[in-house]
Amino acid sequence: ESHPNPGMPYHGTTRQAFLPDNHDGRHVLGLLQKAFELRQIFTIGQSRTTGYDNVITWNDIHHKTNIYGGIENFGYPDKTYLNRVKQELAAKGIK
């Protein structure tokens, strides 16, 4: 909606995320596309990984940014990810 610190500049970024290429993954992709259109995927705030302020960050919807490495590396395998992300999306009214 609005910048949390009006008048403070911020820079764009590039993000890449992964979903399984199966029925459930494609369903979540559709939900994530809807969330993006509703401007719910990103926000401006403090980065949880770098600590920098006024940067574009994920908006409490988790994304898998690695194919491998497991949960601790934001990757797969993660058997509960698709259900968790659907719950996060539902909390934002996206079903």
PDB file of N, CA and C in Angstrom:
ATOM      1  N   GLU A   1       0.832  -1.170   0.000  1.00  0.00           N
ATOM      2  CA  GLU A   1       0.000   0.000   0.000  1.00  0.00           C
ATOM      3  C   GLU A   1       0.884   1.243   0.000  1.00  0.00           C
ATOM      4  N   SER A   2       1.335   1.678   1.165  1.00  0.00           N
ATOM      5  CA  SER A   2       2.162   2.874   1.198  1.00  0.00           C
ATOM      6  C   SER A   2       3.521   2.533   1.791  1.00  0.00           C
ATOM      7  N   HIS A   3       4.476   3.338   1.439  1.00  0.00           N
ATOM      8  CA  HIS A   3       5.846   3.153   1.922  1.00  0.00           C
ATOM      9  C   HIS A   3       5.858   3.409   3.427  1.00  0.00           C
ATOM     10  N   PRO A   4       6.493   2.535   4.216  1.00  0.00           N
ATOM     11  CA  PRO A   4       6.490   2.712   5.670  1.00  0.00           C
ATOM     12  C   PRO A   4       7.290   3.936   6.123  1.00  0.00           C
ATOM     13  N   ASN A   5       8.188   4.420   5.285  1.00  0.00           N
ATOM     14  CA  ASN A   5       8.979   5.609   5.591  1.00  0.00           C
ATOM     15  C   ASN A   5       8.899   6.561   4.406  1.00  0.00           C
ATOM     16  N   PRO A   6       7.786   7.271   4.273  1.00  0.00           N
ATOM     17  CA  PRO A   6       7.604   8.152   3.113  1.00  0.00           C
ATOM     18  C   PRO A   6       8.784   9.104   2.927  1.00  0.00           C
ATOM     19  N   GLY A   7       9.178   9.265   1.671  1.00  0.00           N
ATOM     20  CA  GLY A   7      10.280  10.155   1.345  1.00  0.00           C
ATOM     21  C   GLY A   7      11.641   9.494   1.348  1.00  0.00           C
ATOM     22  N   MET A   8      11.731   8.297   1.929  1.00  0.00           N
ATOM     23  CA  MET A   8      13.003   7.572   1.949  1.00  0.00           C
ATOM     24  C   MET A   8      13.107   6.753   0.659  1.00  0.00           C
ATOM     25  N   PRO A   9      14.220   6.848  -0.026  1.00  0.00           N
ATOM     26  CA  PRO A   9      14.361   6.075  -1.261  1.00  0.00           C
ATOM     27  C   PRO A   9      14.579   4.587  -0.984  1.00  0.00           C
ATOM     28  N   TYR A  10      14.258   3.778  -1.970  1.00  0.00           N
ATOM     29  CA  TYR A  10      14.553   2.349  -1.908  1.00  0.00           C
ATOM     30  C   TYR A  10      14.879   1.887  -3.319  1.00  0.00           C
ATOM     31  N   HIS A  11      15.536   0.766  -3.434  1.00  0.00           N
ATOM     32  CA  HIS A  11      15.967   0.254  -4.723  1.00  0.00           C
ATOM     33  C   HIS A  11      15.222  -1.027  -5.057  1.00  0.00           C
ATOM     34  N   GLY A  12      15.066  -1.274  -6.339  1.00  0.00           N
ATOM     35  CA  GLY A  12      14.445  -2.505  -6.802  1.00  0.00           C
ATOM     36  C   GLY A  12      15.344  -3.704  -6.549  1.00  0.00           C
ATOM     37  N   THR A  13      14.803  -4.859  -6.795  1.00  0.00           N
ATOM     38  CA  THR A  13      15.559  -6.089  -6.593  1.00  0.00           C
ATOM     39  C   THR A  13      15.048  -7.160  -7.544  1.00  0.00           C
ATOM     40  N   THR A  14      15.758  -8.238  -7.632  1.00  0.00           N
ATOM     41  CA  THR A  14      15.337  -9.400  -8.418  1.00  0.00           C
ATOM     42  C   THR A  14      15.227 -10.584  -7.472  1.00  0.00           C
ATOM     43  N   ARG A  15      14.156 -11.321  -7.592  1.00  0.00           N
ATOM     44  CA  ARG A  15      13.963 -12.508  -6.772  1.00  0.00           C
ATOM     45  C   ARG A  15      13.607 -13.684  -7.674  1.00  0.00           C
ATOM     46  N   GLN A  16      14.014 -14.869  -7.269  1.00  0.00           N
ATOM     47  CA  GLN A  16      13.704 -16.101  -7.985  1.00  0.00           C
ATOM     48  C   GLN A  16      13.258 -17.129  -6.966  1.00  0.00           C
ATOM     49  N   ALA A  17      12.169 -17.810  -7.266  1.00  0.00           N
ATOM     50  CA  ALA A  17      11.660 -18.828  -6.350  1.00  0.00           C
ATOM     51  C   ALA A  17      11.264 -20.063  -7.150  1.00  0.00           C
ATOM     52  N   PHE A  18      11.145 -21.179  -6.448  1.00  0.00           N
ATOM     53  CA  PHE A  18      10.903 -22.465  -7.092  1.00  0.00           C
ATOM     54  C   PHE A  18       9.679 -23.152  -6.497  1.00  0.00           C
ATOM     55  N   LEU A  19       8.926 -23.823  -7.374  1.00  0.00           N
ATOM     56  CA  LEU A  19       7.796 -24.655  -6.985  1.00  0.00           C
ATOM     57  C   LEU A  19       7.914 -25.980  -7.730  1.00  0.00           C
ATOM     58  N   PRO A  20       7.372 -27.044  -7.156  1.00  0.00           N
ATOM     59  CA  PRO A  20       7.383 -28.317  -7.885  1.00  0.00           C
ATOM     60  C   PRO A  20       6.463 -28.234  -9.113  1.00  0.00           C
ATOM     61  N   ASP A  21       6.862 -28.894 -10.180  1.00  0.00           N
ATOM     62  CA  ASP A  21       6.064 -28.925 -11.399  1.00  0.00           C
ATOM     63  C   ASP A  21       5.097 -30.098 -11.325  1.00  0.00           C
ATOM     64  N   ASN A  22       4.079 -29.904 -10.477  1.00  0.00           N
ATOM     65  CA  ASN A  22       3.025 -30.908 -10.338  1.00  0.00           C
ATOM     66  C   ASN A  22       1.720 -30.166 -10.051  1.00  0.00           C
ATOM     67  N   HIS A  23       0.642 -30.903  -9.859  1.00  0.00           N
ATOM     68  CA  HIS A  23      -0.671 -30.283  -9.656  1.00  0.00           C
ATOM     69  C   HIS A  23      -0.651 -29.292  -8.487  1.00  0.00           C
ATOM     70  N   ASP A  24      -0.137 -29.707  -7.339  1.00  0.00           N
ATOM     71  CA  ASP A  24      -0.125 -28.828  -6.167  1.00  0.00           C
ATOM     72  C   ASP A  24       0.764 -27.608  -6.386  1.00  0.00           C
ATOM     73  N   GLY A  25       1.917 -27.799  -7.019  1.00  0.00           N
ATOM     74  CA  GLY A  25       2.813 -26.686  -7.294  1.00  0.00           C
ATOM     75  C   GLY A  25       2.182 -25.674  -8.234  1.00  0.00           C
ATOM     76  N   ARG A  26       1.475 -26.149  -9.251  1.00  0.00           N
ATOM     77  CA  ARG A  26       0.809 -25.242 -10.194  1.00  0.00           C
ATOM     78  C   ARG A  26      -0.341 -24.507  -9.515  1.00  0.00           C
ATOM     79  N   HIS A  27      -1.026 -25.182  -8.589  1.00  0.00           N
ATOM     80  CA  HIS A  27      -2.093 -24.520  -7.836  1.00  0.00           C
ATOM     81  C   HIS A  27      -1.519 -23.377  -6.996  1.00  0.00           C
ATOM     82  N   VAL A  28      -0.425 -23.648  -6.294  1.00  0.00           N
ATOM     83  CA  VAL A  28       0.220 -22.600  -5.485  1.00  0.00           C
ATOM     84  C   VAL A  28       0.731 -21.479  -6.378  1.00  0.00           C
ATOM     85  N   LEU A  29       1.247 -21.811  -7.556  1.00  0.00           N
ATOM     86  CA  LEU A  29       1.691 -20.782  -8.485  1.00  0.00           C
ATOM     87  C   LEU A  29       0.550 -19.816  -8.812  1.00  0.00           C
ATOM     88  N   GLY A  30      -0.633 -20.362  -9.070  1.00  0.00           N
ATOM     89  CA  GLY A  30      -1.797 -19.513  -9.345  1.00  0.00           C
ATOM     90  C   GLY A  30      -2.122 -18.603  -8.171  1.00  0.00           C
ATOM     91  N   LEU A  31      -2.041 -19.151  -6.956  1.00  0.00           N
ATOM     92  CA  LEU A  31      -2.297 -18.336  -5.763  1.00  0.00           C
ATOM     93  C   LEU A  31      -1.242 -17.244  -5.602  1.00  0.00           C
ATOM     94  N   LEU A  32       0.016 -17.594  -5.864  1.00  0.00           N
ATOM     95  CA  LEU A  32       1.083 -16.600  -5.759  1.00  0.00           C
ATOM     96  C   LEU A  32       0.932 -15.518  -6.819  1.00  0.00           C
ATOM     97  N   GLN A  33       0.487 -15.887  -8.012  1.00  0.00           N
ATOM     98  CA  GLN A  33       0.256 -14.884  -9.051  1.00  0.00           C
ATOM     99  C   GLN A  33      -0.843 -13.917  -8.615  1.00  0.00           C
ATOM    100  N   LYS A  34      -1.903 -14.454  -8.014  1.00  0.00           N
ATOM    101  CA  LYS A  34      -2.982 -13.607  -7.503  1.00  0.00           C
ATOM    102  C   LYS A  34      -2.449 -12.680  -6.412  1.00  0.00           C
ATOM    103  N   ALA A  35      -1.635 -13.219  -5.513  1.00  0.00           N
ATOM    104  CA  ALA A  35      -1.050 -12.403  -4.446  1.00  0.00           C
ATOM    105  C   ALA A  35      -0.177 -11.296  -5.024  1.00  0.00           C
ATOM    106  N   PHE A  36       0.573 -11.600  -6.076  1.00  0.00           N
ATOM    107  CA  PHE A  36       1.407 -10.585  -6.712  1.00  0.00           C
ATOM    108  C   PHE A  36       0.540  -9.473  -7.292  1.00  0.00           C
ATOM    109  N   GLU A  37      -0.520  -9.851  -7.986  1.00  0.00           N
ATOM    110  CA  GLU A  37      -1.430  -8.862  -8.572  1.00  0.00           C
ATOM    111  C   GLU A  37      -2.072  -7.987  -7.503  1.00  0.00           C
ATOM    112  N   LEU A  38      -2.283  -8.555  -6.323  1.00  0.00           N
ATOM    113  CA  LEU A  38      -2.866  -7.800  -5.203  1.00  0.00           C
ATOM    114  C   LEU A  38      -1.806  -7.072  -4.371  1.00  0.00           C
ATOM    115  N   ARG A  39      -0.559  -7.110  -4.844  1.00  0.00           N
ATOM    116  CA  ARG A  39       0.569  -6.421  -4.200  1.00  0.00           C
ATOM    117  C   ARG A  39       0.836  -6.946  -2.789  1.00  0.00           C
ATOM    118  N   GLN A  40       0.740  -8.267  -2.639  1.00  0.00           N
ATOM    119  CA  GLN A  40       0.938  -8.903  -1.345  1.00  0.00           C
ATOM    120  C   GLN A  40       2.250  -9.679  -1.231  1.00  0.00           C
ATOM    121  N   ILE A  41       2.993  -9.837  -2.305  1.00  0.00           N
ATOM    122  CA  ILE A  41       4.217 -10.648  -2.271  1.00  0.00           C
ATOM    123  C   ILE A  41       5.371  -9.902  -1.614  1.00  0.00           C
ATOM    124  N   PHE A  42       5.514  -8.621  -1.922  1.00  0.00           N
ATOM    125  CA  PHE A  42       6.646  -7.838  -1.416  1.00  0.00           C
ATOM    126  C   PHE A  42       6.162  -6.677  -0.568  1.00  0.00           C
ATOM    127  N   THR A  43       7.063  -6.205   0.266  1.00  0.00           N
ATOM    128  CA  THR A  43       6.827  -4.991   1.030  1.00  0.00           C
ATOM    129  C   THR A  43       8.161  -4.263   1.156  1.00  0.00           C
ATOM    130  N   ILE A  44       8.130  -3.096   1.717  1.00  0.00           N
ATOM    131  CA  ILE A  44       9.358  -2.344   1.968  1.00  0.00           C
ATOM    132  C   ILE A  44       9.558  -2.322   3.470  1.00  0.00           C
ATOM    133  N   GLY A  45      10.746  -2.698   3.907  1.00  0.00           N
ATOM    134  CA  GLY A  45      11.007  -2.744   5.340  1.00  0.00           C
ATOM    135  C   GLY A  45      12.441  -3.117   5.613  1.00  0.00           C
ATOM    136  N   GLN A  46      12.649  -3.745   6.756  1.00  0.00           N
ATOM    137  CA  GLN A  46      13.995  -4.179   7.140  1.00  0.00           C
ATOM    138  C   GLN A  46      14.199  -5.621   6.684  1.00  0.00           C
ATOM    139  N   SER A  47      15.304  -5.861   6.015  1.00  0.00           N
ATOM    140  CA  SER A  47      15.636  -7.204   5.560  1.00  0.00           C
ATOM    141  C   SER A  47      15.958  -8.092   6.750  1.00  0.00           C
ATOM    142  N   ARG A  48      15.359  -9.261   6.791  1.00  0.00           N
ATOM    143  CA  ARG A  48      15.652 -10.221   7.860  1.00  0.00           C
ATOM    144  C   ARG A  48      17.008 -10.871   7.680  1.00  0.00           C
ATOM    145  N   THR A  49      17.527 -10.872   6.458  1.00  0.00           N
ATOM    146  CA  THR A  49      18.816 -11.516   6.210  1.00  0.00           C
ATOM    147  C   THR A  49      19.986 -10.547   6.298  1.00  0.00           C
ATOM    148  N   THR A  50      19.792  -9.296   5.851  1.00  0.00           N
ATOM    149  CA  THR A  50      20.908  -8.344   5.873  1.00  0.00           C
ATOM    150  C   THR A  50      20.799  -7.308   6.977  1.00  0.00           C
ATOM    151  N   GLY A  51      19.573  -7.078   7.460  1.00  0.00           N
ATOM    152  CA  GLY A  51      19.351  -6.045   8.472  1.00  0.00           C
ATOM    153  C   GLY A  51      19.207  -4.644   7.905  1.00  0.00           C
ATOM    154  N   TYR A  52      19.338  -4.494   6.588  1.00  0.00           N
ATOM    155  CA  TYR A  52      19.196  -3.178   5.966  1.00  0.00           C
ATOM    156  C   TYR A  52      17.760  -2.700   6.038  1.00  0.00           C
ATOM    157  N   ASP A  53      17.594  -1.387   6.231  1.00  0.00           N
ATOM    158  CA  ASP A  53      16.270  -0.768   6.258  1.00  0.00           C
ATOM    159  C   ASP A  53      15.886  -0.259   4.872  1.00  0.00           C
ATOM    160  N   ASN A  54      14.578  -0.074   4.673  1.00  0.00           N
ATOM    161  CA  ASN A  54      14.031   0.494   3.441  1.00  0.00           C
ATOM    162  C   ASN A  54      14.441  -0.290   2.201  1.00  0.00           C
ATOM    163  N   VAL A  55      14.297  -1.601   2.285  1.00  0.00           N
ATOM    164  CA  VAL A  55      14.581  -2.474   1.143  1.00  0.00           C
ATOM    165  C   VAL A  55      13.332  -3.301   0.831  1.00  0.00           C
ATOM    166  N   ILE A  56      13.268  -3.806  -0.375  1.00  0.00           N
ATOM    167  CA  ILE A  56      12.149  -4.670  -0.760  1.00  0.00           C
ATOM    168  C   ILE A  56      12.383  -6.045  -0.150  1.00  0.00           C
ATOM    169  N   THR A  57      11.378  -6.534   0.560  1.00  0.00           N
ATOM    170  CA  THR A  57      11.472  -7.832   1.232  1.00  0.00           C
ATOM    171  C   THR A  57      10.217  -8.650   0.930  1.00  0.00           C
ATOM    172  N   TRP A  58      10.312  -9.943   1.219  1.00  0.00           N
ATOM    173  CA  TRP A  58       9.119 -10.792   1.140  1.00  0.00           C
ATOM    174  C   TRP A  58       8.120 -10.296   2.180  1.00  0.00           C
ATOM    175  N   ASN A  59       6.844 -10.408   1.874  1.00  0.00           N
ATOM    176  CA  ASN A  59       5.788  -9.890   2.737  1.00  0.00           C
ATOM    177  C   ASN A  59       5.093 -11.025   3.497  1.00  0.00           C
ATOM    178  N   ASP A  60       5.854 -11.777   4.283  1.00  0.00           N
ATOM    179  CA  ASP A  60       5.330 -12.850   5.130  1.00  0.00           C
ATOM    180  C   ASP A  60       4.663 -13.985   4.351  1.00  0.00           C
ATOM    181  N   ILE A  61       5.072 -14.144   3.089  1.00  0.00           N
ATOM    182  CA  ILE A  61       4.685 -15.309   2.301  1.00  0.00           C
ATOM    183  C   ILE A  61       6.002 -15.965   1.910  1.00  0.00           C
ATOM    184  N   HIS A  62       6.248 -17.125   2.473  1.00  0.00           N
ATOM    185  CA  HIS A  62       7.538 -17.781   2.240  1.00  0.00           C
ATOM    186  C   HIS A  62       7.665 -18.298   0.810  1.00  0.00           C
ATOM    187  N   HIS A  63       8.869 -18.194   0.302  1.00  0.00           N
ATOM    188  CA  HIS A  63       9.200 -18.686  -1.036  1.00  0.00           C
ATOM    189  C   HIS A  63      10.424 -19.582  -0.938  1.00  0.00           C
ATOM    190  N   LYS A  64      10.477 -20.574  -1.789  1.00  0.00           N
ATOM    191  CA  LYS A  64      11.646 -21.454  -1.868  1.00  0.00           C
ATOM    192  C   LYS A  64      12.621 -20.849  -2.875  1.00  0.00           C
ATOM    193  N   THR A  65      13.736 -20.346  -2.375  1.00  0.00           N
ATOM    194  CA  THR A  65      14.704 -19.679  -3.242  1.00  0.00           C
ATOM    195  C   THR A  65      15.849 -20.600  -3.654  1.00  0.00           C
ATOM    196  N   ASN A  66      15.818 -21.835  -3.194  1.00  0.00           N
ATOM    197  CA  ASN A  66      16.796 -22.851  -3.597  1.00  0.00           C
ATOM    198  C   ASN A  66      16.060 -24.136  -3.955  1.00  0.00           C
ATOM    199  N   ILE A  67      16.622 -24.855  -4.894  1.00  0.00           N
ATOM    200  CA  ILE A  67      16.038 -26.154  -5.250  1.00  0.00           C
ATOM    201  C   ILE A  67      16.445 -27.204  -4.222  1.00  0.00           C
ATOM    202  N   TYR A  68      17.650 -27.085  -3.698  1.00  0.00           N
ATOM    203  CA  TYR A  68      18.195 -28.063  -2.756  1.00  0.00           C
ATOM    204  C   TYR A  68      18.561 -27.383  -1.447  1.00  0.00           C
ATOM    205  N   GLY A  69      18.950 -28.157  -0.467  1.00  0.00           N
ATOM    206  CA  GLY A  69      19.447 -27.614   0.784  1.00  0.00           C
ATOM    207  C   GLY A  69      18.503 -27.735   1.951  1.00  0.00           C
ATOM    208  N   GLY A  70      17.277 -28.130   1.685  1.00  0.00           N
ATOM    209  CA  GLY A  70      16.328 -28.313   2.775  1.00  0.00           C
ATOM    210  C   GLY A  70      15.802 -27.012   3.339  1.00  0.00           C
ATOM    211  N   ILE A  71      15.012 -27.161   4.372  1.00  0.00           N
ATOM    212  CA  ILE A  71      14.324 -26.026   4.987  1.00  0.00           C
ATOM    213  C   ILE A  71      15.300 -24.937   5.428  1.00  0.00           C
ATOM    214  N   GLU A  72      16.412 -25.334   6.037  1.00  0.00           N
ATOM    215  CA  GLU A  72      17.342 -24.352   6.596  1.00  0.00           C
ATOM    216  C   GLU A  72      18.011 -23.479   5.532  1.00  0.00           C
ATOM    217  N   ASN A  73      17.946 -23.908   4.275  1.00  0.00           N
ATOM    218  CA  ASN A  73      18.511 -23.127   3.172  1.00  0.00           C
ATOM    219  C   ASN A  73      17.416 -22.637   2.210  1.00  0.00           C
ATOM    220  N   PHE A  74      16.181 -22.571   2.696  1.00  0.00           N
ATOM    221  CA  PHE A  74      15.041 -22.106   1.905  1.00  0.00           C
ATOM    222  C   PHE A  74      14.861 -22.943   0.642  1.00  0.00           C
ATOM    223  N   GLY A  75      15.132 -24.254   0.778  1.00  0.00           N
ATOM    224  CA  GLY A  75      15.056 -25.140  -0.380  1.00  0.00           C
ATOM    225  C   GLY A  75      14.242 -26.391  -0.093  1.00  0.00           C
ATOM    226  N   TYR A  76      14.354 -27.302  -1.011  1.00  0.00           N
ATOM    227  CA  TYR A  76      13.703 -28.608  -0.904  1.00  0.00           C
ATOM    228  C   TYR A  76      14.752 -29.632  -0.504  1.00  0.00           C
ATOM    229  N   PRO A  77      14.420 -30.738   0.123  1.00  0.00           N
ATOM    230  CA  PRO A  77      13.054 -31.183   0.404  1.00  0.00           C
ATOM    231  C   PRO A  77      12.442 -30.442   1.596  1.00  0.00           C
ATOM    232  N   ASP A  78      11.139 -30.231   1.499  1.00  0.00           N
ATOM    233  CA  ASP A  78      10.353 -29.613   2.565  1.00  0.00           C
ATOM    234  C   ASP A  78       8.913 -30.077   2.365  1.00  0.00           C
ATOM    235  N   LYS A  79       8.570 -31.173   3.013  1.00  0.00           N
ATOM    236  CA  LYS A  79       7.275 -31.825   2.802  1.00  0.00           C
ATOM    237  C   LYS A  79       6.078 -30.957   3.178  1.00  0.00           C
ATOM    238  N   THR A  80       6.270 -29.960   4.050  1.00  0.00           N
ATOM    239  CA  THR A  80       5.133 -29.156   4.517  1.00  0.00           C
ATOM    240  C   THR A  80       5.030 -27.792   3.841  1.00  0.00           C
ATOM    241  N   TYR A  81       5.951 -27.474   2.927  1.00  0.00           N
ATOM    242  CA  TYR A  81       5.988 -26.130   2.345  1.00  0.00           C
ATOM    243  C   TYR A  81       4.689 -25.730   1.659  1.00  0.00           C
ATOM    244  N   LEU A  82       4.178 -26.559   0.762  1.00  0.00           N
ATOM    245  CA  LEU A  82       2.995 -26.164  -0.003  1.00  0.00           C
ATOM    246  C   LEU A  82       1.796 -25.906   0.907  1.00  0.00           C
ATOM    247  N   ASN A  83       1.613 -26.727   1.922  1.00  0.00           N
ATOM    248  CA  ASN A  83       0.514 -26.478   2.863  1.00  0.00           C
ATOM    249  C   ASN A  83       0.745 -25.207   3.665  1.00  0.00           C
ATOM    250  N   ARG A  84       1.988 -24.973   4.084  1.00  0.00           N
ATOM    251  CA  ARG A  84       2.292 -23.756   4.850  1.00  0.00           C
ATOM    252  C   ARG A  84       2.066 -22.495   4.017  1.00  0.00           C
ATOM    253  N   VAL A  85       2.532 -22.507   2.775  1.00  0.00           N
ATOM    254  CA  VAL A  85       2.385 -21.305   1.954  1.00  0.00           C
ATOM    255  C   VAL A  85       0.908 -21.058   1.632  1.00  0.00           C
ATOM    256  N   LYS A  86       0.123 -22.115   1.471  1.00  0.00           N
ATOM    257  CA  LYS A  86      -1.316 -21.925   1.268  1.00  0.00           C
ATOM    258  C   LYS A  86      -1.967 -21.291   2.495  1.00  0.00           C
ATOM    259  N   GLN A  87      -1.514 -21.671   3.689  1.00  0.00           N
ATOM    260  CA  GLN A  87      -2.029 -21.047   4.915  1.00  0.00           C
ATOM    261  C   GLN A  87      -1.620 -19.580   4.992  1.00  0.00           C
ATOM    262  N   GLU A  88      -0.386 -19.257   4.617  1.00  0.00           N
ATOM    263  CA  GLU A  88       0.077 -17.866   4.628  1.00  0.00           C
ATOM    264  C   GLU A  88      -0.726 -17.023   3.636  1.00  0.00           C
ATOM    265  N   LEU A  89      -1.005 -17.590   2.477  1.00  0.00           N
ATOM    266  CA  LEU A  89      -1.803 -16.885   1.480  1.00  0.00           C
ATOM    267  C   LEU A  89      -3.243 -16.709   1.965  1.00  0.00           C
ATOM    268  N   ALA A  90      -3.805 -17.745   2.567  1.00  0.00           N
ATOM    269  CA  ALA A  90      -5.176 -17.657   3.078  1.00  0.00           C
ATOM    270  C   ALA A  90      -5.285 -16.577   4.161  1.00  0.00           C
ATOM    271  N   ALA A  91      -4.234 -16.422   4.967  1.00  0.00           N
ATOM    272  CA  ALA A  91      -4.242 -15.383   6.005  1.00  0.00           C
ATOM    273  C   ALA A  91      -4.322 -13.986   5.393  1.00  0.00           C
ATOM    274  N   LYS A  92      -3.942 -13.866   4.127  1.00  0.00           N
ATOM    275  CA  LYS A  92      -4.025 -12.589   3.411  1.00  0.00           C
ATOM    276  C   LYS A  92      -5.271 -12.547   2.517  1.00  0.00           C
ATOM    277  N   GLY A  93      -6.161 -13.527   2.689  1.00  0.00           N
ATOM    278  CA  GLY A  93      -7.412 -13.554   1.944  1.00  0.00           C
ATOM    279  C   GLY A  93      -7.300 -14.150   0.552  1.00  0.00           C
ATOM    280  N   ILE A  94      -6.212 -14.866   0.281  1.00  0.00           N
ATOM    281  CA  ILE A  94      -5.984 -15.429  -1.049  1.00  0.00           C
ATOM    282  C   ILE A  94      -6.168 -16.941  -0.971  1.00  0.00           C
ATOM    283  N   LYS A  95      -7.231 -17.431  -1.614  1.00  0.00           N
ATOM    284  CA  LYS A  95      -7.564 -18.859  -1.565  1.00  0.00           C
ATOM    285  C   LYS A  95      -7.834 -19.373  -2.958  1.00  0.00           C
TER     286      LYS A  95
END
